[in-house]
Amino acid sequence: MAGKFELKKAKDGQFMFNLKASNGQVILTSELYKSKSSAENGIESVRKNANREGAFETKTNSKGEPYFILKAGNSQEIGRSEYYSSTSAKDNGIASVKKNAPDAKVDDITV
């Protein structure tokens, strides 16, 4: 099974998506978008930028847990990961986004 984008409606009526790996684990979560078409554009941006050099910014939260942010060419955030237990787990997450995003199908569960 391949990875997939899950496009859904948030509680407040806005739209967002998760990129899930083939095992169903969420590897990237988007920001909230006011329209469905904007969220779909966000998915396309993930596909385009997943393998762009310098697209991933790695950070650490206040508990010392590493995570990453995927950024577009204009440095705008497209999505971010969960918090990981180790740097190697975070690196695996980035590798998973690079592998899954370009060909991931969209599962539209907004209806």
Protein backbone atom coordinates (compact mmCIF):
# COMPACT_ATOMS: atom_id res chain seq x y z
CA MET A 1 0.00 0.00 0.00
CA ALA A 2 1.28 3.46 -0.86
CA GLY A 3 1.13 6.62 1.19
CA LYS A 4 -1.86 8.93 0.85
CA PHE A 5 -3.06 12.42 1.56
CA GLU A 6 -6.16 12.56 3.71
CA LEU A 7 -8.08 15.77 2.99
CA LYS A 8 -10.59 16.62 5.69
CA LYS A 9 -12.68 19.32 7.27
CA ALA A 10 -11.64 20.63 10.68
CA LYS A 11 -14.19 21.21 13.44
CA ASP A 12 -14.38 24.92 12.62
CA GLY A 13 -15.25 24.28 8.96
CA GLN A 14 -11.77 24.95 7.62
CA PHE A 15 -9.85 22.36 5.59
CA MET A 16 -6.60 20.54 6.28
CA PHE A 17 -4.74 17.42 5.24
CA ASN A 18 -2.46 14.77 6.63
CA LEU A 19 0.11 12.86 4.63
CA LYS A 20 0.08 9.27 5.83
CA ALA A 21 2.75 6.66 5.23
CA SER A 22 1.82 3.26 3.82
CA ASN A 23 1.46 1.97 7.41
CA GLY A 24 -1.21 4.60 8.10
CA GLN A 25 1.00 6.74 10.34
CA VAL A 26 0.67 10.51 9.91
CA ILE A 27 4.00 11.91 8.71
CA LEU A 28 2.97 15.49 7.86
CA THR A 29 0.09 17.72 8.95
CA SER A 30 -0.94 20.89 7.12
CA GLU A 31 -2.04 24.23 8.42
CA LEU A 32 -5.74 25.11 8.30
CA TYR A 33 -7.09 26.48 5.03
CA LYS A 34 -10.26 28.54 4.58
CA SER A 35 -11.20 26.77 1.34
CA LYS A 36 -10.96 23.23 0.01
CA SER A 37 -9.17 24.45 -3.13
CA SER A 38 -6.48 26.10 -0.99
CA ALA A 39 -5.94 22.81 0.86
CA GLU A 40 -5.70 21.00 -2.49
CA ASN A 41 -3.09 23.56 -3.58
CA GLY A 42 -1.24 22.78 -0.34
CA ILE A 43 -1.18 19.09 -1.26
CA GLU A 44 0.29 19.95 -4.67
CA SER A 45 2.88 22.10 -2.92
CA VAL A 46 3.90 19.16 -0.71
CA ARG A 47 4.29 16.98 -3.81
CA LYS A 48 6.39 19.65 -5.53
CA ASN A 49 8.59 20.52 -2.57
CA ALA A 50 9.07 17.12 -0.88
CA ASN A 51 12.30 16.46 -2.76
CA ARG A 52 13.47 20.07 -3.15
CA GLU A 53 16.89 20.72 -1.69
CA GLY A 54 16.57 22.72 1.54
CA ALA A 55 12.79 22.25 1.83
CA PHE A 56 12.94 20.67 5.29
CA GLU A 57 13.74 22.73 8.37
CA THR A 58 14.50 20.72 11.48
CA LYS A 59 13.64 22.05 14.91
CA THR A 60 13.41 20.92 18.51
CA ASN A 61 10.52 21.64 20.86
CA SER A 62 10.86 22.78 24.48
CA LYS A 63 11.09 19.14 25.65
CA GLY A 64 14.02 18.51 23.32
CA GLU A 65 11.99 16.44 20.87
CA PRO A 66 13.00 16.88 17.22
CA TYR A 67 10.48 17.65 14.46
CA PHE A 68 10.52 19.11 10.97
CA ILE A 69 8.72 21.72 8.91
CA LEU A 70 8.29 21.41 5.15
CA LYS A 71 8.59 24.79 3.47
CA ALA A 72 7.74 26.01 -0.02
CA GLY A 73 10.25 27.80 -2.23
CA ASN A 74 9.01 31.12 -0.79
CA SER A 75 9.86 29.84 2.75
CA GLN A 76 6.17 29.56 3.70
CA GLU A 77 5.31 26.58 5.89
CA ILE A 78 3.33 23.86 4.09
CA GLY A 79 3.21 21.28 6.86
CA ARG A 80 4.92 19.94 9.94
CA SER A 81 5.65 16.61 11.51
CA GLU A 82 4.81 15.11 14.84
CA TYR A 83 7.39 15.28 17.64
CA TYR A 84 9.89 12.45 17.46
CA SER A 85 11.74 10.58 20.18
CA SER A 86 15.10 10.82 18.40
CA THR A 87 16.92 12.55 15.56
CA SER A 88 17.08 9.29 13.61
CA ALA A 89 13.29 8.86 13.93
CA LYS A 90 12.85 12.43 12.63
CA ASP A 91 15.22 11.71 9.73
CA ASN A 92 13.15 8.61 8.91
CA GLY A 93 10.05 10.83 8.91
CA ILE A 94 11.64 13.20 6.38
CA ALA A 95 12.67 10.23 4.22
CA SER A 96 9.11 8.93 4.40
CA VAL A 97 7.68 12.29 3.21
CA LYS A 98 10.18 12.33 0.33
CA LYS A 99 9.22 8.79 -0.63
CA ASN A 100 5.44 9.00 -0.20
CA ALA A 101 4.43 12.55 -1.15
CA PRO A 102 5.13 12.66 -4.90
CA ASP A 103 2.78 9.80 -5.85
CA ALA A 104 0.36 9.76 -2.91
CA LYS A 105 -3.31 9.61 -3.85
CA VAL A 106 -5.78 12.00 -2.22
CA ASP A 107 -8.46 10.48 -0.01
CA ASP A 108 -11.10 13.22 0.19
CA ILE A 109 -13.13 12.73 3.37
CA THR A 110 -14.59 16.24 3.47
CA VAL A 111 -18.08 15.05 2.50
